[in-house]
């Protein structure tokens, strides 16, 4: 599946139990594992303490790789 222009591929390693729960959750919700992980990352980045850290370090600028 080709990626959209506004997306960047990310690879991560997690505990097998975590992987299995996420995979099952994706199946129950009728979405992809990638969508579940993307939603989790979005929620993490929106959390108050992380937002404060992002703002403090001025990390919210758009960068091209």
N, C-alpha and C. Protein backbone atom coordinates (compact mmCIF):
# COMPACT_ATOMS: atom_id res chain seq x y z
N UNK A 1 0.85 -1.18 0.00
CA UNK A 1 0.00 0.00 0.00
C UNK A 1 0.90 1.24 0.00
N UNK A 2 0.74 2.12 -0.97
CA UNK A 2 1.56 3.33 -1.01
C UNK A 2 1.19 4.28 0.12
N UNK A 3 2.19 4.96 0.64
CA UNK A 3 1.92 5.90 1.72
C UNK A 3 1.50 7.25 1.16
N UNK A 4 0.72 7.96 1.94
CA UNK A 4 0.31 9.30 1.56
C UNK A 4 1.50 10.24 1.72
N UNK A 5 1.45 11.37 1.02
CA UNK A 5 2.55 12.33 1.07
C UNK A 5 2.77 12.88 2.48
N UNK A 6 1.74 12.90 3.32
CA UNK A 6 1.87 13.47 4.66
C UNK A 6 2.20 12.41 5.72
N UNK A 7 2.60 11.24 5.29
CA UNK A 7 2.91 10.17 6.23
C UNK A 7 4.36 9.72 6.09
N UNK A 8 4.90 9.24 7.19
CA UNK A 8 6.25 8.70 7.22
C UNK A 8 6.19 7.33 7.88
N UNK A 9 6.81 6.35 7.30
CA UNK A 9 6.81 5.01 7.88
C UNK A 9 7.64 5.00 9.16
N UNK A 10 7.16 4.26 10.15
CA UNK A 10 7.83 4.13 11.44
C UNK A 10 7.89 2.65 11.79
N UNK A 11 9.05 2.19 12.22
CA UNK A 11 9.19 0.79 12.62
C UNK A 11 9.52 0.75 14.10
N UNK A 12 8.86 -0.15 14.82
CA UNK A 12 9.08 -0.26 16.25
C UNK A 12 9.03 -1.72 16.68
N UNK A 13 9.65 -2.02 17.78
CA UNK A 13 9.62 -3.36 18.35
C UNK A 13 8.93 -3.29 19.70
N UNK A 14 7.98 -4.20 19.91
CA UNK A 14 7.25 -4.27 21.18
C UNK A 14 7.25 -5.71 21.69
N UNK A 15 6.94 -5.86 22.95
CA UNK A 15 6.78 -7.16 23.59
C UNK A 15 5.73 -7.97 22.82
N UNK A 16 5.92 -9.28 22.71
CA UNK A 16 4.97 -10.13 21.97
C UNK A 16 3.55 -10.03 22.52
N UNK A 17 3.42 -9.95 23.84
CA UNK A 17 2.09 -9.84 24.44
C UNK A 17 1.41 -8.54 24.02
N UNK A 18 2.17 -7.46 24.00
CA UNK A 18 1.63 -6.16 23.58
C UNK A 18 1.20 -6.25 22.12
N UNK A 19 2.04 -6.83 21.28
CA UNK A 19 1.71 -6.99 19.87
C UNK A 19 0.41 -7.76 19.70
N UNK A 20 0.28 -8.87 20.42
CA UNK A 20 -0.92 -9.70 20.30
C UNK A 20 -2.18 -8.96 20.72
N UNK A 21 -2.10 -8.20 21.80
CA UNK A 21 -3.26 -7.41 22.24
C UNK A 21 -3.62 -6.36 21.19
N UNK A 22 -2.62 -5.65 20.69
CA UNK A 22 -2.88 -4.62 19.68
C UNK A 22 -3.47 -5.22 18.42
N UNK A 23 -2.95 -6.35 17.98
CA UNK A 23 -3.45 -7.01 16.77
C UNK A 23 -4.90 -7.45 16.96
N UNK A 24 -5.21 -8.02 18.12
CA UNK A 24 -6.59 -8.44 18.40
C UNK A 24 -7.52 -7.24 18.49
N UNK A 25 -7.05 -6.19 19.13
CA UNK A 25 -7.84 -4.97 19.24
C UNK A 25 -8.16 -4.41 17.86
N UNK A 26 -7.18 -4.40 16.99
CA UNK A 26 -7.41 -3.93 15.62
C UNK A 26 -8.49 -4.77 14.95
N UNK A 27 -8.42 -6.08 15.13
CA UNK A 27 -9.42 -6.96 14.53
C UNK A 27 -10.82 -6.70 15.07
N UNK A 28 -10.93 -6.54 16.37
CA UNK A 28 -12.23 -6.27 17.00
C UNK A 28 -12.81 -4.95 16.50
N UNK A 29 -11.94 -3.97 16.32
CA UNK A 29 -12.38 -2.64 15.88
C UNK A 29 -12.55 -2.54 14.37
N UNK A 30 -12.07 -3.53 13.65
CA UNK A 30 -12.18 -3.51 12.19
C UNK A 30 -11.25 -2.49 11.53
N UNK A 31 -10.08 -2.30 12.14
CA UNK A 31 -9.09 -1.37 11.59
C UNK A 31 -7.75 -2.10 11.49
N UNK A 32 -6.79 -1.44 10.90
CA UNK A 32 -5.46 -2.05 10.79
C UNK A 32 -4.66 -1.85 12.07
N UNK A 33 -3.65 -2.69 12.23
CA UNK A 33 -2.73 -2.53 13.35
C UNK A 33 -2.06 -1.16 13.27
N UNK A 34 -1.74 -0.74 12.08
CA UNK A 34 -1.13 0.57 11.87
C UNK A 34 -2.03 1.69 12.39
N UNK A 35 -3.33 1.57 12.15
CA UNK A 35 -4.27 2.59 12.63
C UNK A 35 -4.33 2.61 14.15
N UNK A 36 -4.31 1.46 14.79
CA UNK A 36 -4.33 1.40 16.25
C UNK A 36 -3.08 2.06 16.82
N UNK A 37 -1.92 1.74 16.27
CA UNK A 37 -0.67 2.31 16.75
C UNK A 37 -0.63 3.81 16.48
N UNK A 38 -1.07 4.24 15.31
CA UNK A 38 -1.09 5.66 14.98
C UNK A 38 -1.98 6.44 15.95
N UNK A 39 -3.14 5.88 16.28
CA UNK A 39 -4.04 6.54 17.24
C UNK A 39 -3.38 6.62 18.62
N UNK A 40 -2.69 5.57 19.02
CA UNK A 40 -2.00 5.57 20.32
C UNK A 40 -0.90 6.63 20.36
N UNK A 41 -0.15 6.75 19.28
CA UNK A 41 0.91 7.77 19.21
C UNK A 41 0.29 9.16 19.26
N UNK A 42 -0.79 9.37 18.51
CA UNK A 42 -1.47 10.68 18.53
C UNK A 42 -1.92 11.04 19.94
N UNK A 43 -2.52 10.08 20.64
CA UNK A 43 -2.97 10.34 22.02
C UNK A 43 -1.79 10.65 22.94
N UNK A 44 -0.71 9.94 22.76
CA UNK A 44 0.50 10.19 23.55
C UNK A 44 1.00 11.61 23.33
N UNK A 45 1.08 12.02 22.07
CA UNK A 45 1.58 13.36 21.75
C UNK A 45 0.64 14.46 22.21
N UNK A 46 -0.65 14.14 22.37
CA UNK A 46 -1.62 15.12 22.84
C UNK A 46 -1.70 15.22 24.36
N UNK A 47 -1.04 14.30 25.07
CA UNK A 47 -1.09 14.34 26.53
C UNK A 47 -0.42 15.61 27.03
N UNK A 48 -0.93 16.13 28.14
CA UNK A 48 -0.49 17.43 28.64
C UNK A 48 1.01 17.51 28.90
N UNK A 49 1.56 16.51 29.58
CA UNK A 49 2.99 16.57 29.90
C UNK A 49 3.86 16.51 28.65
N UNK A 50 3.46 15.72 27.68
CA UNK A 50 4.24 15.62 26.44
C UNK A 50 4.09 16.90 25.63
N UNK A 51 2.88 17.48 25.58
CA UNK A 51 2.68 18.76 24.88
C UNK A 51 3.59 19.83 25.48
N UNK A 52 3.67 19.86 26.81
CA UNK A 52 4.53 20.84 27.47
C UNK A 52 5.99 20.64 27.08
N UNK A 53 6.42 19.39 27.03
CA UNK A 53 7.81 19.10 26.65
C UNK A 53 8.08 19.49 25.20
N UNK A 54 7.14 19.20 24.33
CA UNK A 54 7.27 19.57 22.91
C UNK A 54 7.38 21.08 22.77
N UNK A 55 6.52 21.79 23.49
CA UNK A 55 6.55 23.26 23.43
C UNK A 55 7.83 23.81 24.04
N UNK A 56 8.26 23.27 25.16
CA UNK A 56 9.47 23.73 25.84
C UNK A 56 10.69 23.62 24.93
N UNK A 57 10.79 22.49 24.24
CA UNK A 57 11.94 22.24 23.37
C UNK A 57 11.71 22.71 21.93
N UNK A 58 10.55 23.32 21.70
CA UNK A 58 10.19 23.83 20.36
C UNK A 58 10.33 22.73 19.31
N UNK A 59 9.69 21.60 19.59
CA UNK A 59 9.78 20.43 18.71
C UNK A 59 8.63 20.33 17.72
N UNK A 60 7.70 21.28 17.74
CA UNK A 60 6.50 21.15 16.91
C UNK A 60 6.65 21.73 15.51
N UNK A 61 7.84 22.15 15.12
CA UNK A 61 8.06 22.65 13.77
C UNK A 61 8.02 21.52 12.77
N UNK A 62 7.54 21.81 11.59
CA UNK A 62 7.48 20.80 10.53
C UNK A 62 8.88 20.64 9.94
N UNK A 63 9.30 19.39 9.81
CA UNK A 63 10.61 19.11 9.23
C UNK A 63 10.45 18.13 8.09
N UNK A 64 11.23 18.29 7.07
CA UNK A 64 11.26 17.37 5.95
C UNK A 64 12.48 16.47 6.09
N UNK A 65 12.30 15.18 5.91
CA UNK A 65 13.45 14.25 5.99
C UNK A 65 13.93 13.88 4.62
